[in-house]
Amino acid sequence: MTNFRKSPRRWAGVFIATAMAALTAASPSPTEVVLTGPLEMDRILEALPDLARAAQAYEPNFRAIDGIHDFAKSARIKVFLGTWDANGKAPVAAFIKTIEMAFNPAIEIEWIGVSRNLKDPAEALRAYGVDKVPMFIVWVDGKEKGRIVESPEYTLEEDLASVLLGVPFSDVDMDIFRSRPHSHLPIDCAPCHGPKRPGRAQPSFR
């Protein structure tokens, strides 16, 4: 499980960069990597240098990042991925960069590797109805809010912001927030309407 309670937002991306530095001198293995069961992000990045490079290079929509950063409820995201799945690496890389940049301590991430035949880990796949990868399952306050399956409808960060906030991405636009009533949205309004919350950075509003 990954959470970001101890790292300030200004260090977003440092984890990916550190992983990249450790991999610089190593040549990618031609052997297919298959990791199954519960995983940590550092193990995934170490095993998949191409994924680490893709995450580092990904340029997300900063308005979506700000929406995720200011999400104020407790959330959990289970990521079911196939480390063998070349087509799934792009959305997984986008997700890694998104959670690194958004840095929201209220969001916890769980990684689960899935076998090529989609049969292992059997209990988890059956419990969550997983039949495709990658699959991002989002819970807010203990209730499932939505899933991103295989590839996003728009971009990973835009779809994730929409699922978390429960609104179309157009309502996640921070410029719109400043000109339209938005008290119904589960976001942290302190950066604009009150003193900064301890341990949280001001959003960039790019």
C-alpha atoms as a PDB file:
ATOM      1  CA  MET A   1       0.000   0.000   0.000  1.00  0.00           C
ATOM      2  CA  THR A   2       1.269   3.466  -0.837  1.00  0.00           C
ATOM      3  CA  ASN A   3       0.358   6.704   0.844  1.00  0.00           C
ATOM      4  CA  PHE A   4       2.051  10.075   0.844  1.00  0.00           C
ATOM      5  CA  ARG A   5       1.573  11.337   4.385  1.00  0.00           C
ATOM      6  CA  LYS A   6       5.246  12.125   4.977  1.00  0.00           C
ATOM      7  CA  SER A   7       6.344  13.725   1.707  1.00  0.00           C
ATOM      8  CA  PRO A   8       5.595  17.397   0.877  1.00  0.00           C
ATOM      9  CA  ARG A   9       4.183  18.065  -2.561  1.00  0.00           C
ATOM     10  CA  ARG A  10       7.319  19.868  -3.654  1.00  0.00           C
ATOM     11  CA  TRP A  11       9.010  16.449  -3.733  1.00  0.00           C
ATOM     12  CA  ALA A  12       6.489  15.069  -6.211  1.00  0.00           C
ATOM     13  CA  GLY A  13       8.324  13.059  -8.824  1.00  0.00           C
ATOM     14  CA  VAL A  14      11.455  12.547  -6.715  1.00  0.00           C
ATOM     15  CA  PHE A  15      10.554   8.893  -6.136  1.00  0.00           C
ATOM     16  CA  ILE A  16      10.351   8.285  -9.876  1.00  0.00           C
ATOM     17  CA  ALA A  17      13.595  10.164 -10.471  1.00  0.00           C
ATOM     18  CA  THR A  18      15.333   8.130  -7.750  1.00  0.00           C
ATOM     19  CA  ALA A  19      14.129   4.911  -9.320  1.00  0.00           C
ATOM     20  CA  MET A  20      15.370   6.112 -12.692  1.00  0.00           C
ATOM     21  CA  ALA A  21      18.820   6.901 -11.290  1.00  0.00           C
ATOM     22  CA  ALA A  22      19.093   3.413  -9.858  1.00  0.00           C
ATOM     23  CA  LEU A  23      18.185   1.935 -13.230  1.00  0.00           C
ATOM     24  CA  THR A  24      20.453   4.066 -15.396  1.00  0.00           C
ATOM     25  CA  ALA A  25      23.370   1.657 -15.331  1.00  0.00           C
ATOM     26  CA  ALA A  26      21.237  -1.442 -15.776  1.00  0.00           C
ATOM     27  CA  SER A  27      20.237  -2.894 -19.115  1.00  0.00           C
ATOM     28  CA  PRO A  28      16.561  -3.858 -19.508  1.00  0.00           C
ATOM     29  CA  SER A  29      16.029  -7.580 -19.197  1.00  0.00           C
ATOM     30  CA  PRO A  30      14.618  -9.233 -22.319  1.00  0.00           C
ATOM     31  CA  THR A  31      12.722 -11.641 -20.074  1.00  0.00           C
ATOM     32  CA  GLU A  32       9.040 -10.920 -19.558  1.00  0.00           C
ATOM     33  CA  VAL A  33       8.377  -9.783 -16.005  1.00  0.00           C
ATOM     34  CA  VAL A  34       5.323 -11.282 -14.306  1.00  0.00           C
ATOM     35  CA  LEU A  35       4.639 -10.094 -10.758  1.00  0.00           C
ATOM     36  CA  THR A  36       1.474 -11.252  -9.009  1.00  0.00           C
ATOM     37  CA  GLY A  37      -0.251 -10.466  -5.751  1.00  0.00           C
ATOM     38  CA  PRO A  38       0.208  -7.390  -3.527  1.00  0.00           C
ATOM     39  CA  LEU A  39       3.055  -5.149  -4.689  1.00  0.00           C
ATOM     40  CA  GLU A  40       4.834  -1.953  -3.730  1.00  0.00           C
ATOM     41  CA  MET A  41       5.411   0.777  -6.280  1.00  0.00           C
ATOM     42  CA  ASP A  42       9.172   0.705  -5.838  1.00  0.00           C
ATOM     43  CA  ARG A  43       9.277  -3.006  -6.724  1.00  0.00           C
ATOM     44  CA  ILE A  44       7.176  -2.385  -9.836  1.00  0.00           C
ATOM     45  CA  LEU A  45       9.422   0.444 -11.043  1.00  0.00           C
ATOM     46  CA  GLU A  46      12.589  -1.529 -10.363  1.00  0.00           C
ATOM     47  CA  ALA A  47      11.250  -4.498 -12.328  1.00  0.00           C
ATOM     48  CA  LEU A  48       9.981  -2.372 -15.230  1.00  0.00           C
ATOM     49  CA  PRO A  49      12.521   0.275 -16.308  1.00  0.00           C
ATOM     50  CA  ASP A  50      10.390   1.214 -19.323  1.00  0.00           C
ATOM     51  CA  LEU A  51       7.466   1.985 -17.029  1.00  0.00           C
ATOM     52  CA  ALA A  52       9.652   4.169 -14.831  1.00  0.00           C
ATOM     53  CA  ARG A  53      10.842   6.103 -17.877  1.00  0.00           C
ATOM     54  CA  ALA A  54       7.280   6.507 -19.174  1.00  0.00           C
ATOM     55  CA  ALA A  55       6.091   7.781 -15.771  1.00  0.00           C
ATOM     56  CA  GLN A  56       8.920  10.280 -15.591  1.00  0.00           C
ATOM     57  CA  ALA A  57       8.172  11.576 -19.092  1.00  0.00           C
ATOM     58  CA  TYR A  58       4.389  11.824 -18.713  1.00  0.00           C
ATOM     59  CA  GLU A  59       2.999  15.379 -18.680  1.00  0.00           C
ATOM     60  CA  PRO A  60      -0.398  15.479 -16.930  1.00  0.00           C
ATOM     61  CA  ASN A  61      -3.176  18.050 -17.035  1.00  0.00           C
ATOM     62  CA  PHE A  62      -2.332  20.319 -14.098  1.00  0.00           C
ATOM     63  CA  ARG A  63      -5.937  21.324 -13.520  1.00  0.00           C
ATOM     64  CA  ALA A  64      -6.790  17.675 -12.918  1.00  0.00           C
ATOM     65  CA  ILE A  65      -3.757  17.368 -10.638  1.00  0.00           C
ATOM     66  CA  ASP A  66      -4.997  20.325  -8.584  1.00  0.00           C
ATOM     67  CA  GLY A  67      -8.466  18.785  -8.342  1.00  0.00           C
ATOM     68  CA  ILE A  68      -6.993  15.509  -7.025  1.00  0.00           C
ATOM     69  CA  HIS A  69      -4.605  17.359  -4.710  1.00  0.00           C
ATOM     70  CA  ASP A  70      -7.483  19.259  -3.082  1.00  0.00           C
ATOM     71  CA  PHE A  71      -9.795  16.259  -2.734  1.00  0.00           C
ATOM     72  CA  ALA A  72     -10.715  16.323   0.957  1.00  0.00           C
ATOM     73  CA  LYS A  73     -12.345  12.940   1.655  1.00  0.00           C
ATOM     74  CA  SER A  74     -10.756   9.614   2.526  1.00  0.00           C
ATOM     75  CA  ALA A  75     -10.137   7.561  -0.624  1.00  0.00           C
ATOM     76  CA  ARG A  76      -8.599   4.244  -1.589  1.00  0.00           C
ATOM     77  CA  ILE A  77      -7.565   3.095  -5.049  1.00  0.00           C
ATOM     78  CA  LYS A  78      -6.808  -0.520  -5.936  1.00  0.00           C
ATOM     79  CA  VAL A  79      -4.702  -0.878  -9.065  1.00  0.00           C
ATOM     80  CA  PHE A  80      -4.800  -4.269 -10.765  1.00  0.00           C
ATOM     81  CA  LEU A  81      -2.047  -4.415 -13.370  1.00  0.00           C
ATOM     82  CA  GLY A  82      -0.278  -6.888 -15.582  1.00  0.00           C
ATOM     83  CA  THR A  83       3.460  -6.268 -15.435  1.00  0.00           C
ATOM     84  CA  TRP A  84       3.590  -8.323 -18.650  1.00  0.00           C
ATOM     85  CA  ASP A  85       1.040  -6.078 -20.401  1.00  0.00           C
ATOM     86  CA  ALA A  86       2.773  -3.715 -22.846  1.00  0.00           C
ATOM     87  CA  ASN A  87      -0.475  -1.967 -23.794  1.00  0.00           C
ATOM     88  CA  GLY A  88      -1.318  -1.269 -20.156  1.00  0.00           C
ATOM     89  CA  LYS A  89       1.938   0.496 -19.333  1.00  0.00           C
ATOM     90  CA  ALA A  90       0.805   3.899 -20.651  1.00  0.00           C
ATOM     91  CA  PRO A  91      -2.187   4.334 -18.290  1.00  0.00           C
ATOM     92  CA  VAL A  92      -0.218   2.862 -15.373  1.00  0.00           C
ATOM     93  CA  ALA A  93       2.648   5.287 -16.030  1.00  0.00           C
ATOM     94  CA  ALA A  94       0.161   8.172 -16.184  1.00  0.00           C
ATOM     95  CA  PHE A  95      -1.344   7.055 -12.873  1.00  0.00           C
ATOM     96  CA  ILE A  96       2.057   6.883 -11.179  1.00  0.00           C
ATOM     97  CA  LYS A  97       2.963  10.390 -12.303  1.00  0.00           C
ATOM     98  CA  THR A  98      -0.491  11.661 -11.321  1.00  0.00           C
ATOM     99  CA  ILE A  99      -0.398  10.386  -7.748  1.00  0.00           C
ATOM    100  CA  GLU A 100       3.190  11.551  -7.318  1.00  0.00           C
ATOM    101  CA  MET A 101       2.364  15.083  -8.477  1.00  0.00           C
ATOM    102  CA  ALA A 102      -1.031  15.374  -6.778  1.00  0.00           C
ATOM    103  CA  PHE A 103       0.389  14.275  -3.402  1.00  0.00           C
ATOM    104  CA  ASN A 104      -2.824  13.844  -1.420  1.00  0.00           C
ATOM    105  CA  PRO A 105      -2.375  12.131   1.974  1.00  0.00           C
ATOM    106  CA  ALA A 106      -6.085  11.239   2.013  1.00  0.00           C
ATOM    107  CA  ILE A 107      -5.655   8.859  -0.934  1.00  0.00           C
ATOM    108  CA  GLU A 108      -4.186   5.403  -0.326  1.00  0.00           C
ATOM    109  CA  ILE A 109      -3.001   3.222  -3.201  1.00  0.00           C
ATOM    110  CA  GLU A 110      -2.881  -0.579  -3.304  1.00  0.00           C
ATOM    111  CA  TRP A 111      -1.090  -2.382  -6.139  1.00  0.00           C
ATOM    112  CA  ILE A 112      -1.975  -5.928  -7.183  1.00  0.00           C
ATOM    113  CA  GLY A 113      -0.137  -7.804  -9.929  1.00  0.00           C
ATOM    114  CA  VAL A 114      -2.206 -10.090 -12.147  1.00  0.00           C
ATOM    115  CA  SER A 115      -1.030 -13.149 -14.077  1.00  0.00           C
ATOM    116  CA  ARG A 116      -1.126 -13.250 -17.868  1.00  0.00           C
ATOM    117  CA  ASN A 117      -4.072 -15.689 -17.851  1.00  0.00           C
ATOM    118  CA  LEU A 118      -5.984 -13.389 -15.443  1.00  0.00           C
ATOM    119  CA  LYS A 119      -6.365 -16.205 -12.914  1.00  0.00           C
ATOM    120  CA  ASP A 120      -3.963 -15.157 -10.155  1.00  0.00           C
ATOM    121  CA  PRO A 121      -4.366 -13.930  -7.492  1.00  0.00           C
ATOM    122  CA  ALA A 122      -7.660 -15.808  -7.784  1.00  0.00           C
ATOM    123  CA  GLU A 123      -9.299 -14.630  -4.564  1.00  0.00           C
ATOM    124  CA  ALA A 124      -8.716 -10.923  -5.205  1.00  0.00           C
ATOM    125  CA  LEU A 125      -9.751 -11.131  -8.867  1.00  0.00           C
ATOM    126  CA  ARG A 126     -12.952 -12.905  -7.919  1.00  0.00           C
ATOM    127  CA  ALA A 127     -13.728 -10.577  -5.002  1.00  0.00           C
ATOM    128  CA  TYR A 128     -13.435  -7.434  -7.114  1.00  0.00           C
ATOM    129  CA  GLY A 129     -14.706  -8.777 -10.419  1.00  0.00           C
ATOM    130  CA  VAL A 130     -11.478  -8.103 -12.281  1.00  0.00           C
ATOM    131  CA  ASP A 131     -11.393  -9.522 -15.811  1.00  0.00           C
ATOM    132  CA  LYS A 132      -9.255  -6.885 -17.553  1.00  0.00           C
ATOM    133  CA  VAL A 133      -6.076  -4.983 -16.756  1.00  0.00           C
ATOM    134  CA  PRO A 134      -5.124  -2.413 -15.887  1.00  0.00           C
ATOM    135  CA  MET A 135      -8.103  -1.675 -13.679  1.00  0.00           C
ATOM    136  CA  PHE A 136      -8.253   1.220 -11.221  1.00  0.00           C
ATOM    137  CA  ILE A 137     -11.021   0.813  -8.621  1.00  0.00           C
ATOM    138  CA  VAL A 138     -11.819   3.916  -6.577  1.00  0.00           C
ATOM    139  CA  TRP A 139     -13.497   4.025  -3.159  1.00  0.00           C
ATOM    140  CA  VAL A 140     -14.478   7.211  -1.337  1.00  0.00           C
ATOM    141  CA  ASP A 141     -15.443   7.002   2.334  1.00  0.00           C
ATOM    142  CA  GLY A 142     -15.611   3.229   1.986  1.00  0.00           C
ATOM    143  CA  LYS A 143     -17.972   3.173  -1.007  1.00  0.00           C
ATOM    144  CA  GLU A 144     -16.956   2.282  -4.536  1.00  0.00           C
ATOM    145  CA  LYS A 145     -17.269   5.375  -6.743  1.00  0.00           C
ATOM    146  CA  GLY A 146     -16.081   4.104 -10.088  1.00  0.00           C
ATOM    147  CA  ARG A 147     -13.538   2.236 -12.193  1.00  0.00           C
ATOM    148  CA  ILE A 148     -11.128   3.076 -14.956  1.00  0.00           C
ATOM    149  CA  VAL A 149     -10.733  -0.081 -17.035  1.00  0.00           C
ATOM    150  CA  GLU A 150      -7.859  -0.674 -19.486  1.00  0.00           C
ATOM    151  CA  SER A 151      -7.643   2.896 -20.804  1.00  0.00           C
ATOM    152  CA  PRO A 152      -9.175   6.226 -19.736  1.00  0.00           C
ATOM    153  CA  GLU A 153     -11.984   7.928 -21.605  1.00  0.00           C
ATOM    154  CA  TYR A 154     -10.056  11.213 -21.679  1.00  0.00           C
ATOM    155  CA  THR A 155      -6.775  11.157 -19.756  1.00  0.00           C
ATOM    156  CA  LEU A 156      -6.014   9.107 -16.677  1.00  0.00           C
ATOM    157  CA  GLU A 157      -5.776  12.144 -14.402  1.00  0.00           C
ATOM    158  CA  GLU A 158      -8.962  13.719 -15.812  1.00  0.00           C
ATOM    159  CA  ASP A 159     -10.944  10.505 -15.432  1.00  0.00           C
ATOM    160  CA  LEU A 160      -9.578   9.965 -11.918  1.00  0.00           C
ATOM    161  CA  ALA A 161     -10.505  13.514 -10.856  1.00  0.00           C
ATOM    162  CA  SER A 162     -14.006  13.006 -12.242  1.00  0.00           C
ATOM    163  CA  VAL A 163     -14.458   9.705 -10.366  1.00  0.00           C
ATOM    164  CA  LEU A 164     -13.179  11.126  -7.073  1.00  0.00           C
ATOM    165  CA  LEU A 165     -15.220  14.332  -7.230  1.00  0.00           C
ATOM    166  CA  GLY A 166     -18.277  12.753  -8.802  1.00  0.00           C
ATOM    167  CA  VAL A 167     -18.606  15.457 -11.437  1.00  0.00           C
ATOM    168  CA  PRO A 168     -17.687  15.865 -15.132  1.00  0.00           C
ATOM    169  CA  PHE A 169     -14.118  16.984 -15.652  1.00  0.00           C
ATOM    170  CA  SER A 170     -15.282  20.447 -16.747  1.00  0.00           C
ATOM    171  CA  ASP A 171     -16.314  21.014 -13.118  1.00  0.00           C
ATOM    172  CA  VAL A 172     -12.845  20.030 -11.938  1.00  0.00           C
ATOM    173  CA  ASP A 173     -11.348  23.034 -13.715  1.00  0.00           C
ATOM    174  CA  MET A 174      -9.944  25.221 -10.929  1.00  0.00           C
ATOM    175  CA  ASP A 175     -10.577  28.386 -12.954  1.00  0.00           C
ATOM    176  CA  ILE A 176     -14.273  27.459 -13.045  1.00  0.00           C
ATOM    177  CA  PHE A 177     -14.238  26.876  -9.268  1.00  0.00           C
ATOM    178  CA  ARG A 178     -13.324  30.502  -8.734  1.00  0.00           C
ATOM    179  CA  SER A 179     -16.267  31.819 -10.747  1.00  0.00           C
ATOM    180  CA  ARG A 180     -19.027  29.293  -9.967  1.00  0.00           C
ATOM    181  CA  PRO A 181     -20.605  28.012  -6.703  1.00  0.00           C
ATOM    182  CA  HIS A 182     -18.889  24.758  -5.741  1.00  0.00           C
ATOM    183  CA  SER A 183     -19.711  24.058  -2.100  1.00  0.00           C
ATOM    184  CA  HIS A 184     -21.193  20.702  -3.186  1.00  0.00           C
ATOM    185  CA  LEU A 185     -17.777  19.369  -4.248  1.00  0.00           C
ATOM    186  CA  PRO A 186     -15.542  17.411  -1.824  1.00  0.00           C
ATOM    187  CA  ILE A 187     -12.502  19.654  -2.176  1.00  0.00           C
ATOM    188  CA  ASP A 188     -10.282  21.541   0.235  1.00  0.00           C
ATOM    189  CA  CYS A 189     -11.281  25.202  -0.137  1.00  0.00           C
ATOM    190  CA  ALA A 190      -8.816  26.498   2.444  1.00  0.00           C
ATOM    191  CA  PRO A 191      -6.195  27.592  -0.142  1.00  0.00           C
ATOM    192  CA  CYS A 192      -8.678  30.103  -1.568  1.00  0.00           C
ATOM    193  CA  HIS A 193     -11.083  30.804   1.299  1.00  0.00           C
ATOM    194  CA  GLY A 194      -9.080  30.384   4.451  1.00  0.00           C
ATOM    195  CA  PRO A 195      -5.681  29.787   6.052  1.00  0.00           C
ATOM    196  CA  LYS A 196      -3.483  27.096   4.562  1.00  0.00           C
ATOM    197  CA  ARG A 197      -3.913  23.683   6.202  1.00  0.00           C
ATOM    198  CA  PRO A 198      -0.706  22.548   7.995  1.00  0.00           C
ATOM    199  CA  GLY A 199       1.414  20.251   5.880  1.00  0.00           C
ATOM    200  CA  ARG A 200      -0.344  21.072   2.623  1.00  0.00           C
ATOM    201  CA  ALA A 201       1.048  23.126  -0.253  1.00  0.00           C
ATOM    202  CA  GLN A 202      -0.910  25.774  -2.075  1.00  0.00           C
ATOM    203  CA  PRO A 203      -2.266  24.589  -5.465  1.00  0.00           C
ATOM    204  CA  SER A 204      -0.657  26.082  -8.555  1.00  0.00           C
ATOM    205  CA  PHE A 205      -3.877  26.947 -10.457  1.00  0.00           C
ATOM    206  CA  ARG A 206      -2.120  26.564 -13.809  1.00  0.00           C
END
